[in-house]
């Protein structure tokens, strides 16, 4: 878990950057059975915070580095 959580966190940061830049396939039309989920930066950073807090018990040093 100590190797996957930082990768997930940095992927969420990249997603946040893509949302900020307006990239994300807004021109694609949804299919009939597809459900679009709205994600904003607040939800992304709340997820990052939750992941770091979950990792805090086992890897406190890594959590400090991720917060910085």
N, C-alpha and C. Protein backbone atom coordinates (compact mmCIF):
# COMPACT_ATOMS: atom_id res chain seq x y z
N UNK A 1 0.82 -1.18 0.00
CA UNK A 1 0.00 0.00 0.00
C UNK A 1 0.87 1.26 0.00
N UNK A 2 2.07 1.17 0.56
CA UNK A 2 2.90 2.36 0.65
C UNK A 2 3.39 2.82 -0.72
N UNK A 3 3.35 1.95 -1.72
CA UNK A 3 3.79 2.34 -3.06
C UNK A 3 2.63 2.78 -3.95
N UNK A 4 1.44 2.34 -3.66
CA UNK A 4 0.31 2.67 -4.53
C UNK A 4 -0.36 3.99 -4.15
N UNK A 5 -0.39 4.31 -2.87
CA UNK A 5 -1.08 5.53 -2.45
C UNK A 5 -0.43 6.79 -3.02
N UNK A 6 0.90 6.94 -2.96
CA UNK A 6 1.47 8.14 -3.59
C UNK A 6 1.18 8.23 -5.09
N UNK A 7 1.18 7.11 -5.77
CA UNK A 7 0.86 7.13 -7.20
C UNK A 7 -0.58 7.59 -7.43
N UNK A 8 -1.49 7.13 -6.61
CA UNK A 8 -2.90 7.55 -6.73
C UNK A 8 -3.02 9.04 -6.44
N UNK A 9 -2.31 9.51 -5.42
CA UNK A 9 -2.39 10.92 -5.05
C UNK A 9 -1.87 11.80 -6.18
N UNK A 10 -0.74 11.43 -6.78
CA UNK A 10 -0.21 12.24 -7.87
C UNK A 10 -1.09 12.15 -9.11
N UNK A 11 -1.77 11.05 -9.31
CA UNK A 11 -2.73 10.96 -10.41
C UNK A 11 -3.92 11.88 -10.17
N UNK A 12 -4.35 11.98 -8.92
CA UNK A 12 -5.43 12.91 -8.59
C UNK A 12 -4.99 14.35 -8.79
N UNK A 13 -3.72 14.66 -8.47
CA UNK A 13 -3.20 16.01 -8.74
C UNK A 13 -3.19 16.30 -10.23
N UNK A 14 -2.84 15.31 -11.03
CA UNK A 14 -2.83 15.49 -12.49
C UNK A 14 -4.26 15.70 -13.00
N UNK A 15 -5.20 14.95 -12.46
CA UNK A 15 -6.61 15.13 -12.83
C UNK A 15 -7.07 16.53 -12.47
N UNK A 16 -6.68 17.01 -11.31
CA UNK A 16 -7.04 18.36 -10.91
C UNK A 16 -6.46 19.40 -11.86
N UNK A 17 -5.24 19.18 -12.29
CA UNK A 17 -4.61 20.09 -13.24
C UNK A 17 -5.35 20.07 -14.58
N UNK A 18 -5.76 18.89 -15.02
CA UNK A 18 -6.52 18.78 -16.28
C UNK A 18 -7.86 19.49 -16.18
N UNK A 19 -8.50 19.40 -15.03
CA UNK A 19 -9.78 20.09 -14.83
C UNK A 19 -9.55 21.59 -14.86
N UNK A 20 -8.47 22.05 -14.23
CA UNK A 20 -8.15 23.48 -14.20
C UNK A 20 -7.90 24.03 -15.61
N UNK A 21 -7.24 23.22 -16.45
CA UNK A 21 -6.92 23.65 -17.80
C UNK A 21 -8.08 23.48 -18.76
N UNK A 22 -9.12 22.80 -18.34
CA UNK A 22 -10.28 22.62 -19.20
C UNK A 22 -10.19 21.39 -20.07
N UNK A 23 -9.20 20.54 -19.84
CA UNK A 23 -9.09 19.29 -20.60
C UNK A 23 -9.98 18.26 -19.95
N UNK A 24 -10.60 17.42 -20.73
CA UNK A 24 -11.40 16.39 -20.12
C UNK A 24 -12.49 15.84 -21.00
N UNK A 25 -12.46 16.13 -22.25
CA UNK A 25 -13.42 15.52 -23.14
C UNK A 25 -14.82 16.05 -22.99
N UNK A 26 -14.97 17.34 -22.82
CA UNK A 26 -16.29 17.93 -22.68
C UNK A 26 -17.12 17.83 -23.95
N UNK A 27 -16.48 17.63 -25.10
CA UNK A 27 -17.21 17.57 -26.36
C UNK A 27 -17.82 16.20 -26.63
N UNK A 28 -17.39 15.20 -25.89
CA UNK A 28 -17.89 13.85 -26.11
C UNK A 28 -19.33 13.74 -25.61
N UNK A 29 -20.19 13.16 -26.42
CA UNK A 29 -21.58 12.97 -26.04
C UNK A 29 -21.72 11.67 -25.25
N UNK A 30 -22.45 11.71 -24.13
CA UNK A 30 -22.61 10.48 -23.34
C UNK A 30 -23.53 9.48 -24.03
N UNK A 31 -23.27 8.22 -23.81
CA UNK A 31 -24.12 7.16 -24.33
C UNK A 31 -25.40 7.10 -23.50
N UNK A 32 -26.35 6.31 -23.95
CA UNK A 32 -27.62 6.21 -23.23
C UNK A 32 -27.45 5.56 -21.86
N UNK A 33 -26.57 4.56 -21.76
CA UNK A 33 -26.41 3.85 -20.49
C UNK A 33 -25.26 4.39 -19.65
N UNK A 34 -24.56 5.43 -20.11
CA UNK A 34 -23.47 6.02 -19.34
C UNK A 34 -24.01 7.06 -18.38
N UNK A 35 -23.36 7.16 -17.24
CA UNK A 35 -23.71 8.17 -16.27
C UNK A 35 -22.49 9.06 -16.09
N UNK A 36 -22.67 10.35 -16.28
CA UNK A 36 -21.58 11.29 -16.08
C UNK A 36 -21.51 11.68 -14.61
N UNK A 37 -20.33 11.65 -14.07
CA UNK A 37 -20.12 12.02 -12.69
C UNK A 37 -19.39 13.36 -12.68
N UNK A 38 -19.96 14.32 -11.99
CA UNK A 38 -19.32 15.61 -11.90
C UNK A 38 -18.28 15.57 -10.79
N UNK A 39 -17.08 15.98 -11.14
CA UNK A 39 -15.98 16.02 -10.18
C UNK A 39 -15.41 17.42 -10.21
N UNK A 40 -15.28 18.00 -9.04
CA UNK A 40 -14.63 19.29 -8.97
C UNK A 40 -13.37 19.16 -8.11
N UNK A 41 -12.61 20.22 -8.03
CA UNK A 41 -11.33 20.16 -7.33
C UNK A 41 -11.51 19.96 -5.84
N UNK A 42 -12.61 20.43 -5.27
CA UNK A 42 -12.84 20.21 -3.84
C UNK A 42 -12.98 18.72 -3.53
N UNK A 43 -13.68 17.99 -4.38
CA UNK A 43 -13.84 16.55 -4.18
C UNK A 43 -12.51 15.83 -4.34
N UNK A 44 -11.70 16.27 -5.30
CA UNK A 44 -10.41 15.64 -5.53
C UNK A 44 -9.51 15.84 -4.31
N UNK A 45 -9.42 17.08 -3.82
CA UNK A 45 -8.53 17.33 -2.69
C UNK A 45 -9.06 16.72 -1.39
N UNK A 46 -10.36 16.55 -1.27
CA UNK A 46 -10.90 15.83 -0.11
C UNK A 46 -10.50 14.36 -0.18
N UNK A 47 -10.51 13.79 -1.37
CA UNK A 47 -10.07 12.40 -1.55
C UNK A 47 -8.59 12.25 -1.23
N UNK A 48 -7.78 13.23 -1.65
CA UNK A 48 -6.35 13.20 -1.34
C UNK A 48 -6.15 13.25 0.17
N UNK A 49 -6.87 14.13 0.83
CA UNK A 49 -6.76 14.24 2.29
C UNK A 49 -7.17 12.94 2.97
N UNK A 50 -8.25 12.33 2.51
CA UNK A 50 -8.70 11.06 3.10
C UNK A 50 -7.66 9.95 2.91
N UNK A 51 -7.04 9.90 1.73
CA UNK A 51 -6.01 8.89 1.48
C UNK A 51 -4.79 9.09 2.38
N UNK A 52 -4.39 10.33 2.54
CA UNK A 52 -3.23 10.61 3.39
C UNK A 52 -3.54 10.28 4.84
N UNK A 53 -4.74 10.60 5.30
CA UNK A 53 -5.11 10.28 6.68
C UNK A 53 -5.19 8.77 6.90
N UNK A 54 -5.61 8.03 5.89
CA UNK A 54 -5.66 6.57 6.01
C UNK A 54 -4.26 5.97 6.08
N UNK A 55 -3.32 6.61 5.44
CA UNK A 55 -1.94 6.12 5.42
C UNK A 55 -1.16 6.56 6.66
N UNK A 56 -1.71 7.48 7.42
CA UNK A 56 -1.00 8.07 8.55
C UNK A 56 -0.61 7.06 9.63
N UNK A 57 -1.42 6.08 9.86
CA UNK A 57 -1.13 5.09 10.89
C UNK A 57 0.13 4.29 10.59
N UNK A 58 0.28 3.87 9.35
CA UNK A 58 1.39 2.99 9.02
C UNK A 58 2.63 3.72 8.50
N UNK A 59 2.46 4.86 7.85
CA UNK A 59 3.58 5.59 7.23
C UNK A 59 3.51 7.08 7.58
N UNK A 60 3.80 7.49 8.82
CA UNK A 60 3.68 8.91 9.17
C UNK A 60 4.67 9.82 8.43
N UNK A 61 5.88 9.32 8.14
CA UNK A 61 6.84 10.15 7.43
C UNK A 61 6.40 10.43 6.00
N UNK A 62 5.86 9.42 5.35
CA UNK A 62 5.39 9.59 3.98
C UNK A 62 4.22 10.57 3.94
N UNK A 63 3.35 10.53 4.94
CA UNK A 63 2.23 11.44 4.98
C UNK A 63 2.70 12.89 5.09
N UNK A 64 3.73 13.11 5.89
CA UNK A 64 4.28 14.46 6.01
C UNK A 64 4.86 14.93 4.69
N UNK A 65 5.55 14.05 3.98
CA UNK A 65 6.13 14.41 2.68
C UNK A 65 5.03 14.69 1.66
N UNK A 66 3.94 13.93 1.70
CA UNK A 66 2.85 14.15 0.75
C UNK A 66 2.12 15.45 1.03
N UNK A 67 2.01 15.84 2.30
CA UNK A 67 1.38 17.11 2.61
C UNK A 67 2.24 18.28 2.19
N UNK A 68 3.54 18.10 2.18
CA UNK A 68 4.42 19.19 1.77
C UNK A 68 4.40 19.31 0.28
